[in-house]
Amino acid sequence: MIMKPPRSFYLAVAFLCSGLLSFGYYLQFFQGIEPCPLCIFQRLAYITVIAIALVGLLHGPVNIMLRIYSGLISIAALIGGSIAGWHVRLQHLPPDEVPECGPGLDYMLDVFPLTDTIRMAFTGSGECAEVSWTFLGFSIPEWSLLWFSLLAVAAAWHGFHKKLYGPF
């Protein structure tokens, strides 16, 4: 069975994000690298992109719905990229400007209201500024920023280039 181009795109996006998440879980569970609160939020952004891509894959959108799904993927990727960008900023702060380590995300969610938890997570903590893994000189948030940027651009191009796919 040959898939139509819109469905192929959504399948590729879902596989890519699933692979990136799987690698993050590999680092967590097999390499012992615990995710900081900002890493958790980036994972949620990847999960959101996967969910939108899977709905798009099942729906097989055309015309305006193709643009809506692609736009939603772009928005989710831009949000994830913003979180990753903030994380990269924290990692590049001079040592004397790095915030002190705070409580874990689980504890904050149990004790504080959601708005306070989100505010504290984005204020950052010392654990978010640590670089615990690199590949080709880039840290996990830097790779995440790259992938979110590529996803946002690809989804925008996919949804908004001139050729739209018809119902057949």
C-alpha atoms as a PDB file:
ATOM      1  CA  MET A   1       0.000   0.000   0.000  1.00  0.00           C
ATOM      2  CA  ILE A   2       1.390   3.384  -0.997  1.00  0.00           C
ATOM      3  CA  MET A   3       0.659   6.254   1.363  1.00  0.00           C
ATOM      4  CA  LYS A   4      -0.276   9.670   0.088  1.00  0.00           C
ATOM      5  CA  PRO A   5       2.321  12.389   0.751  1.00  0.00           C
ATOM      6  CA  PRO A   6       0.479  14.075   3.684  1.00  0.00           C
ATOM      7  CA  ARG A   7       0.246  10.793   5.567  1.00  0.00           C
ATOM      8  CA  SER A   8       3.869   9.967   4.830  1.00  0.00           C
ATOM      9  CA  PHE A   9       4.926  13.271   6.341  1.00  0.00           C
ATOM     10  CA  TYR A  10       2.928  12.712   9.534  1.00  0.00           C
ATOM     11  CA  LEU A  11       4.280   9.164   9.842  1.00  0.00           C
ATOM     12  CA  ALA A  12       7.851  10.444   9.447  1.00  0.00           C
ATOM     13  CA  VAL A  13       7.289  13.148  12.082  1.00  0.00           C
ATOM     14  CA  ALA A  14       5.799  10.623  14.528  1.00  0.00           C
ATOM     15  CA  PHE A  15       8.703   8.197  13.982  1.00  0.00           C
ATOM     16  CA  LEU A  16      11.320  10.929  14.318  1.00  0.00           C
ATOM     17  CA  CYS A  17       9.891  12.298  17.564  1.00  0.00           C
ATOM     18  CA  SER A  18       9.371   8.786  18.925  1.00  0.00           C
ATOM     19  CA  GLY A  19      13.013   8.015  18.180  1.00  0.00           C
ATOM     20  CA  LEU A  20      14.172  11.193  19.901  1.00  0.00           C
ATOM     21  CA  LEU A  21      12.030  10.433  22.951  1.00  0.00           C
ATOM     22  CA  SER A  22      13.247   6.846  23.004  1.00  0.00           C
ATOM     23  CA  PHE A  23      16.835   8.052  23.028  1.00  0.00           C
ATOM     24  CA  GLY A  24      16.016  10.370  25.935  1.00  0.00           C
ATOM     25  CA  TYR A  25      14.528   7.453  27.860  1.00  0.00           C
ATOM     26  CA  TYR A  26      17.594   5.356  27.000  1.00  0.00           C
ATOM     27  CA  LEU A  27      19.824   8.055  28.485  1.00  0.00           C
ATOM     28  CA  GLN A  28      17.616   8.191  31.556  1.00  0.00           C
ATOM     29  CA  PHE A  29      17.106   4.507  32.276  1.00  0.00           C
ATOM     30  CA  PHE A  30      20.284   2.932  30.903  1.00  0.00           C
ATOM     31  CA  GLN A  31      22.866   5.709  31.247  1.00  0.00           C
ATOM     32  CA  GLY A  32      21.533   7.133  34.531  1.00  0.00           C
ATOM     33  CA  ILE A  33      21.093  10.715  33.270  1.00  0.00           C
ATOM     34  CA  GLU A  34      18.086  12.113  35.126  1.00  0.00           C
ATOM     35  CA  PRO A  35      16.017  14.702  33.214  1.00  0.00           C
ATOM     36  CA  CYS A  36      15.655  18.156  34.744  1.00  0.00           C
ATOM     37  CA  PRO A  37      12.271  19.974  34.774  1.00  0.00           C
ATOM     38  CA  LEU A  38      13.010  21.713  31.453  1.00  0.00           C
ATOM     39  CA  CYS A  39      13.861  18.335  29.874  1.00  0.00           C
ATOM     40  CA  ILE A  40      10.479  17.024  31.038  1.00  0.00           C
ATOM     41  CA  PHE A  41       8.709  19.988  29.404  1.00  0.00           C
ATOM     42  CA  GLN A  42      10.612  19.346  26.171  1.00  0.00           C
ATOM     43  CA  ARG A  43       9.474  15.726  26.306  1.00  0.00           C
ATOM     44  CA  LEU A  44       5.888  16.933  26.659  1.00  0.00           C
ATOM     45  CA  ALA A  45       6.349  19.062  23.541  1.00  0.00           C
ATOM     46  CA  TYR A  46       7.643  16.014  21.624  1.00  0.00           C
ATOM     47  CA  ILE A  47       4.654  13.991  22.852  1.00  0.00           C
ATOM     48  CA  THR A  48       2.323  16.761  21.669  1.00  0.00           C
ATOM     49  CA  VAL A  49       3.944  16.743  18.220  1.00  0.00           C
ATOM     50  CA  ILE A  50       3.595  12.950  18.082  1.00  0.00           C
ATOM     51  CA  ALA A  51      -0.088  13.131  19.059  1.00  0.00           C
ATOM     52  CA  ILE A  52      -0.868  15.731  16.381  1.00  0.00           C
ATOM     53  CA  ALA A  53       1.096  13.768  13.771  1.00  0.00           C
ATOM     54  CA  LEU A  54      -0.725  10.535  14.620  1.00  0.00           C
ATOM     55  CA  VAL A  55      -4.121  12.223  14.349  1.00  0.00           C
ATOM     56  CA  GLY A  56      -3.003  13.673  11.013  1.00  0.00           C
ATOM     57  CA  LEU A  57      -1.822  10.234   9.914  1.00  0.00           C
ATOM     58  CA  LEU A  58      -5.176   8.655  10.759  1.00  0.00           C
ATOM     59  CA  HIS A  59      -7.221  11.510   9.329  1.00  0.00           C
ATOM     60  CA  GLY A  60      -5.262  11.948   6.082  1.00  0.00           C
ATOM     61  CA  PRO A  61      -6.085  15.651   5.826  1.00  0.00           C
ATOM     62  CA  VAL A  62      -6.378  17.659   2.635  1.00  0.00           C
ATOM     63  CA  ASN A  63      -6.559  21.371   1.908  1.00  0.00           C
ATOM     64  CA  ILE A  64      -7.378  23.438   5.006  1.00  0.00           C
ATOM     65  CA  MET A  65      -7.094  20.538   7.469  1.00  0.00           C
ATOM     66  CA  LEU A  66      -3.604  19.799   6.135  1.00  0.00           C
ATOM     67  CA  ARG A  67      -2.680  23.371   6.983  1.00  0.00           C
ATOM     68  CA  ILE A  68      -4.263  23.128  10.421  1.00  0.00           C
ATOM     69  CA  TYR A  69      -2.398  19.951  11.383  1.00  0.00           C
ATOM     70  CA  SER A  70       0.869  21.254  10.013  1.00  0.00           C
ATOM     71  CA  GLY A  71       0.323  24.574  11.761  1.00  0.00           C
ATOM     72  CA  LEU A  72      -0.354  22.804  15.059  1.00  0.00           C
ATOM     73  CA  ILE A  73       2.832  20.767  14.676  1.00  0.00           C
ATOM     74  CA  SER A  74       4.757  23.975  13.941  1.00  0.00           C
ATOM     75  CA  ILE A  75       3.297  25.669  17.014  1.00  0.00           C
ATOM     76  CA  ALA A  76       4.093  22.699  19.275  1.00  0.00           C
ATOM     77  CA  ALA A  77       7.621  22.531  17.844  1.00  0.00           C
ATOM     78  CA  LEU A  78       8.101  26.276  18.361  1.00  0.00           C
ATOM     79  CA  ILE A  79       6.992  25.941  21.980  1.00  0.00           C
ATOM     80  CA  GLY A  80       9.367  23.007  22.461  1.00  0.00           C
ATOM     81  CA  GLY A  81      12.120  24.965  20.743  1.00  0.00           C
ATOM     82  CA  SER A  82      11.500  27.928  23.029  1.00  0.00           C
ATOM     83  CA  ILE A  83      11.841  25.680  26.066  1.00  0.00           C
ATOM     84  CA  ALA A  84      15.009  24.144  24.629  1.00  0.00           C
ATOM     85  CA  GLY A  85      16.362  27.617  23.832  1.00  0.00           C
ATOM     86  CA  TRP A  86      15.790  28.714  27.425  1.00  0.00           C
ATOM     87  CA  HIS A  87      17.519  25.541  28.591  1.00  0.00           C
ATOM     88  CA  VAL A  88      20.507  26.250  26.314  1.00  0.00           C
ATOM     89  CA  ARG A  89      20.661  29.772  27.736  1.00  0.00           C
ATOM     90  CA  LEU A  90      20.834  28.389  31.274  1.00  0.00           C
ATOM     91  CA  GLN A  91      23.612  26.015  30.251  1.00  0.00           C
ATOM     92  CA  HIS A  92      25.678  28.875  28.861  1.00  0.00           C
ATOM     93  CA  LEU A  93      25.402  31.164  31.889  1.00  0.00           C
ATOM     94  CA  PRO A  94      28.629  32.000  33.685  1.00  0.00           C
ATOM     95  CA  PRO A  95      29.057  29.777  36.776  1.00  0.00           C
ATOM     96  CA  ASP A  96      28.368  32.647  39.188  1.00  0.00           C
ATOM     97  CA  GLU A  97      24.986  33.366  37.530  1.00  0.00           C
ATOM     98  CA  VAL A  98      23.674  29.774  37.532  1.00  0.00           C
ATOM     99  CA  PRO A  99      20.585  29.500  39.758  1.00  0.00           C
ATOM    100  CA  GLU A 100      20.756  27.285  42.814  1.00  0.00           C
ATOM    101  CA  CYS A 101      19.422  23.754  42.559  1.00  0.00           C
ATOM    102  CA  GLY A 102      15.757  23.547  43.436  1.00  0.00           C
ATOM    103  CA  PRO A 103      13.355  20.752  44.251  1.00  0.00           C
ATOM    104  CA  GLY A 104      12.496  18.119  41.647  1.00  0.00           C
ATOM    105  CA  LEU A 105       9.506  18.487  39.351  1.00  0.00           C
ATOM    106  CA  ASP A 106       7.567  15.710  41.128  1.00  0.00           C
ATOM    107  CA  TYR A 107       7.921  17.485  44.453  1.00  0.00           C
ATOM    108  CA  MET A 108       6.949  20.861  42.974  1.00  0.00           C
ATOM    109  CA  LEU A 109       3.835  19.359  41.355  1.00  0.00           C
ATOM    110  CA  ASP A 110       2.830  17.774  44.674  1.00  0.00           C
ATOM    111  CA  VAL A 111       3.384  20.862  46.815  1.00  0.00           C
ATOM    112  CA  PHE A 112       2.802  23.934  44.656  1.00  0.00           C
ATOM    113  CA  PRO A 113      -0.020  25.035  42.338  1.00  0.00           C
ATOM    114  CA  LEU A 114       0.610  24.310  38.653  1.00  0.00           C
ATOM    115  CA  THR A 115       1.258  27.965  37.770  1.00  0.00           C
ATOM    116  CA  ASP A 116       3.888  28.273  40.511  1.00  0.00           C
ATOM    117  CA  THR A 117       5.472  24.985  39.422  1.00  0.00           C
ATOM    118  CA  ILE A 118       5.762  26.151  35.813  1.00  0.00           C
ATOM    119  CA  ARG A 119       7.158  29.522  36.910  1.00  0.00           C
ATOM    120  CA  MET A 120       9.757  27.842  39.155  1.00  0.00           C
ATOM    121  CA  ALA A 121      10.711  25.338  36.438  1.00  0.00           C
ATOM    122  CA  PHE A 122      11.329  28.115  33.915  1.00  0.00           C
ATOM    123  CA  THR A 123      13.265  30.157  36.419  1.00  0.00           C
ATOM    124  CA  GLY A 124      15.638  27.260  36.155  1.00  0.00           C
ATOM    125  CA  SER A 125      17.806  25.518  38.644  1.00  0.00           C
ATOM    126  CA  GLY A 126      21.377  24.398  38.891  1.00  0.00           C
ATOM    127  CA  GLU A 127      20.485  20.961  37.596  1.00  0.00           C
ATOM    128  CA  CYS A 128      19.138  22.501  34.362  1.00  0.00           C
ATOM    129  CA  ALA A 129      22.471  24.257  33.818  1.00  0.00           C
ATOM    130  CA  GLU A 130      24.502  21.040  34.024  1.00  0.00           C
ATOM    131  CA  VAL A 131      25.747  19.528  30.777  1.00  0.00           C
ATOM    132  CA  SER A 132      25.683  15.793  31.457  1.00  0.00           C
ATOM    133  CA  TRP A 133      25.966  14.460  27.875  1.00  0.00           C
ATOM    134  CA  THR A 134      27.254  15.746  24.558  1.00  0.00           C
ATOM    135  CA  PHE A 135      27.448  14.467  21.010  1.00  0.00           C
ATOM    136  CA  LEU A 136      29.526  16.291  18.393  1.00  0.00           C
ATOM    137  CA  GLY A 137      29.976  19.066  20.951  1.00  0.00           C
ATOM    138  CA  PHE A 138      26.258  19.709  21.437  1.00  0.00           C
ATOM    139  CA  SER A 139      24.337  19.093  24.666  1.00  0.00           C
ATOM    140  CA  ILE A 140      20.906  17.458  24.852  1.00  0.00           C
ATOM    141  CA  PRO A 141      19.012  20.798  24.874  1.00  0.00           C
ATOM    142  CA  GLU A 142      21.075  22.051  21.947  1.00  0.00           C
ATOM    143  CA  TRP A 143      20.175  18.948  19.925  1.00  0.00           C
ATOM    144  CA  SER A 144      16.572  19.355  21.010  1.00  0.00           C
ATOM    145  CA  LEU A 145      16.573  22.989  19.869  1.00  0.00           C
ATOM    146  CA  LEU A 146      17.923  21.891  16.485  1.00  0.00           C
ATOM    147  CA  TRP A 147      15.292  19.154  16.063  1.00  0.00           C
ATOM    148  CA  PHE A 148      12.416  21.389  17.180  1.00  0.00           C
ATOM    149  CA  SER A 149      13.567  24.065  14.718  1.00  0.00           C
ATOM    150  CA  LEU A 150      13.739  21.557  11.863  1.00  0.00           C
ATOM    151  CA  LEU A 151      10.313  20.162  12.771  1.00  0.00           C
ATOM    152  CA  ALA A 152       8.741  23.642  12.869  1.00  0.00           C
ATOM    153  CA  VAL A 153      10.189  24.587   9.485  1.00  0.00           C
ATOM    154  CA  ALA A 154       9.316  21.234   7.874  1.00  0.00           C
ATOM    155  CA  ALA A 155       5.743  21.331   9.165  1.00  0.00           C
ATOM    156  CA  ALA A 156       5.261  24.927   8.042  1.00  0.00           C
ATOM    157  CA  TRP A 157       6.647  24.089   4.601  1.00  0.00           C
ATOM    158  CA  HIS A 158       4.510  20.963   4.402  1.00  0.00           C
ATOM    159  CA  GLY A 159       1.312  22.796   5.265  1.00  0.00           C
ATOM    160  CA  PHE A 160       1.835  26.069   3.498  1.00  0.00           C
ATOM    161  CA  HIS A 161       3.715  25.447   0.266  1.00  0.00           C
ATOM    162  CA  LYS A 162       1.730  26.154  -2.895  1.00  0.00           C
ATOM    163  CA  LYS A 163       0.768  22.637  -3.874  1.00  0.00           C
ATOM    164  CA  LEU A 164      -2.100  21.279  -1.825  1.00  0.00           C
ATOM    165  CA  TYR A 165      -3.157  17.688  -2.112  1.00  0.00           C
ATOM    166  CA  GLY A 166      -6.625  16.907  -3.367  1.00  0.00           C
ATOM    167  CA  PRO A 167      -8.985  14.273  -2.020  1.00  0.00           C
ATOM    168  CA  PHE A 168      -7.648  11.659  -4.436  1.00  0.00           C
END
